[in-house]
C-alpha atoms as a PDB file:
ATOM      1  CA  MET A   1     119.049  81.560 105.834  1.00  0.00           C
ATOM      2  CA  TYR A   2     118.807  85.340 105.923  1.00  0.00           C
ATOM      3  CA  TYR A   3     116.409  88.416 105.935  1.00  0.00           C
ATOM      4  CA  ILE A   4     115.146  90.096 102.895  1.00  0.00           C
ATOM      5  CA  ALA A   5     113.078  93.221 102.549  1.00  0.00           C
ATOM      6  CA  GLU A   6     109.548  92.725 101.365  1.00  0.00           C
ATOM      7  CA  VAL A   7     107.220  95.419 100.001  1.00  0.00           C
ATOM      8  CA  ASP A   8     103.527  95.408 100.805  1.00  0.00           C
ATOM      9  CA  LYS A   9     102.248  96.334  97.264  1.00  0.00           C
ATOM     10  CA  GLU A  10      98.874  97.602  98.469  1.00  0.00           C
ATOM     11  CA  ILE A  11     100.407 100.074 100.877  1.00  0.00           C
ATOM     12  CA  CYS A  12     103.142 101.028  98.442  1.00  0.00           C
ATOM     13  CA  SER A  13     100.947 101.632  95.433  1.00  0.00           C
ATOM     14  CA  ALA A  14      98.571 103.782  97.533  1.00  0.00           C
ATOM     15  CA  LYS A  15     101.385 105.993  98.793  1.00  0.00           C
ATOM     16  CA  ASN A  16     103.518 105.920  95.621  1.00  0.00           C
ATOM     17  CA  CYS A  17     106.473 107.908  97.115  1.00  0.00           C
ATOM     18  CA  HIS A  18     109.492 106.035  95.576  1.00  0.00           C
ATOM     19  CA  LEU A  19     111.814 106.985  98.437  1.00  0.00           C
ATOM     20  CA  CYS A  20     113.104 103.460  98.996  1.00  0.00           C
ATOM     21  CA  THR A  21     114.350 103.186  95.441  1.00  0.00           C
ATOM     22  CA  GLN A  22     116.351 106.400  95.833  1.00  0.00           C
ATOM     23  CA  TYR A  23     118.054 105.539  99.174  1.00  0.00           C
ATOM     24  CA  CYS A  24     118.869 101.825  98.770  1.00  0.00           C
ATOM     25  CA  PRO A  25     122.660 101.669  98.684  1.00  0.00           C
ATOM     26  CA  GLU A  26     122.656  98.518  96.563  1.00  0.00           C
ATOM     27  CA  ALA A  27     122.306  99.205  92.838  1.00  0.00           C
ATOM     28  CA  ASN A  28     119.163  97.699  91.222  1.00  0.00           C
ATOM     29  CA  CYS A  29     117.951  96.193  94.484  1.00  0.00           C
ATOM     30  CA  ILE A  30     114.677  98.128  94.976  1.00  0.00           C
ATOM     31  CA  ASN A  31     113.038  99.108  91.717  1.00  0.00           C
ATOM     32  CA  TYR A  32     109.563 100.549  90.708  1.00  0.00           C
ATOM     33  CA  SER A  33     107.080  98.571  88.735  1.00  0.00           C
ATOM     34  CA  GLU A  34     104.858 100.749  86.555  1.00  0.00           C
ATOM     35  CA  ALA A  35     102.500  97.863  86.097  1.00  0.00           C
ATOM     36  CA  ASP A  36     101.945  97.451  89.794  1.00  0.00           C
ATOM     37  CA  LYS A  37     102.576 101.115  90.694  1.00  0.00           C
ATOM     38  CA  SER A  38     104.740  99.730  93.565  1.00  0.00           C
ATOM     39  CA  ALA A  39     108.369  99.174  94.515  1.00  0.00           C
ATOM     40  CA  TYR A  40     109.719  95.652  94.524  1.00  0.00           C
ATOM     41  CA  VAL A  41     112.877  94.059  95.876  1.00  0.00           C
ATOM     42  CA  SER A  42     115.359  91.922  93.802  1.00  0.00           C
ATOM     43  CA  VAL A  43     115.885  89.224  96.334  1.00  0.00           C
ATOM     44  CA  ASP A  44     119.304  88.260  94.959  1.00  0.00           C
ATOM     45  CA  ARG A  45     120.596  91.840  95.454  1.00  0.00           C
ATOM     46  CA  CYS A  46     119.207  92.623  98.877  1.00  0.00           C
ATOM     47  CA  LYS A  47     121.807  92.808 101.647  1.00  0.00           C
ATOM     48  CA  ALA A  48     119.332  93.184 104.556  1.00  0.00           C
ATOM     49  CA  CYS A  49     120.766  96.512 105.504  1.00  0.00           C
ATOM     50  CA  GLU A  50     117.221  97.669 106.538  1.00  0.00           C
ATOM     51  CA  ILE A  51     117.730 101.312 105.128  1.00  0.00           C
ATOM     52  CA  CYS A  52     114.521 100.869 103.159  1.00  0.00           C
ATOM     53  CA  VAL A  53     112.579  99.867 106.206  1.00  0.00           C
ATOM     54  CA  TYR A  54     113.841 103.018 107.990  1.00  0.00           C
ATOM     55  CA  ILE A  55     113.016 105.292 104.968  1.00  0.00           C
ATOM     56  CA  CYS A  56     109.579 103.744 104.493  1.00  0.00           C
ATOM     57  CA  SER A  57     108.616 103.734 108.112  1.00  0.00           C
ATOM     58  CA  ASP A  58     110.336 106.694 109.795  1.00  0.00           C
ATOM     59  CA  ILE A  59     110.826 109.189 106.837  1.00  0.00           C
ATOM     60  CA  ALA A  60     107.846 108.486 104.563  1.00  0.00           C
ATOM     61  CA  LYS A  61     105.556 107.159 107.328  1.00  0.00           C
ATOM     62  CA  ASN A  62     104.217 104.427 105.029  1.00  0.00           C
ATOM     63  CA  ASP A  63     105.229 101.252 106.802  1.00  0.00           C
ATOM     64  CA  ALA A  64     105.120  99.306 103.543  1.00  0.00           C
ATOM     65  CA  ILE A  65     108.421  97.472 103.868  1.00  0.00           C
ATOM     66  CA  LYS A  66     109.242  94.769 106.411  1.00  0.00           C
ATOM     67  CA  MET A  67     112.223  92.478 106.861  1.00  0.00           C
ATOM     68  CA  LYS A  68     111.235  88.712 106.463  1.00  0.00           C
ATOM     69  CA  TRP A  69     113.095  85.456 106.502  1.00  0.00           C
ATOM     70  CA  ILE A  70     113.717  84.449 102.889  1.00  0.00           C
ATOM     71  CA  GLU A  71     111.836  81.229 103.617  1.00  0.00           C
ATOM     72  CA  ASP A  72     108.747  83.182 104.587  1.00  0.00           C
ATOM     73  CA  MET A  73     108.556  85.468 101.499  1.00  0.00           C
ATOM     74  CA  SER A  74     105.017  85.546 100.053  1.00  0.00           C
ATOM     75  CA  GLU A  75     105.804  85.518  96.338  1.00  0.00           C
ATOM     76  CA  GLY A  76     108.421  85.780  93.593  1.00  0.00           C
ATOM     77  CA  PHE A  77     110.650  82.844  93.878  1.00  0.00           C
ATOM     78  CA  VAL A  78     111.181  79.253  94.979  1.00  0.00           C
ATOM     79  CA  ILE A  79     114.109  78.237  97.209  1.00  0.00           C
ATOM     80  CA  LYS A  80     116.006  75.164  95.935  1.00  0.00           C
ATOM     81  CA  LYS A  81     119.018  73.462  97.547  1.00  0.00           C
ATOM     82  CA  SER A  82     121.154  74.698  94.575  1.00  0.00           C
ATOM     83  CA  GLY A  83     120.056  78.425  95.043  1.00  0.00           C
ATOM     84  CA  ILE A  84     117.087  80.739  94.513  1.00  0.00           C
ATOM     85  CA  VAL A  85     114.990  80.370  91.382  1.00  0.00           C
ATOM     86  CA  LEU A  86     112.731  83.275  90.416  1.00  0.00           C
ATOM     87  CA  ARG A  87     109.236  82.494  89.320  1.00  0.00           C
END
């Protein structure tokens, strides 16, 4: 298994800075949801480079993004033997 970035929606929506979406080197990996007023990570695109963690923690001082094992992610998909299935 591997690490994936996970956004804490409560912190992210309160801060609303969008920096992670601008600095992620992988196209369409971190996007912004108008409905949640928060960034979200497309797990199938995340390469675990941790640039978003650095931007969120050290530059924006928000601490809303953490790296987690894909098996420990709190929402958004189910892991099946044949691959990842989005909910």
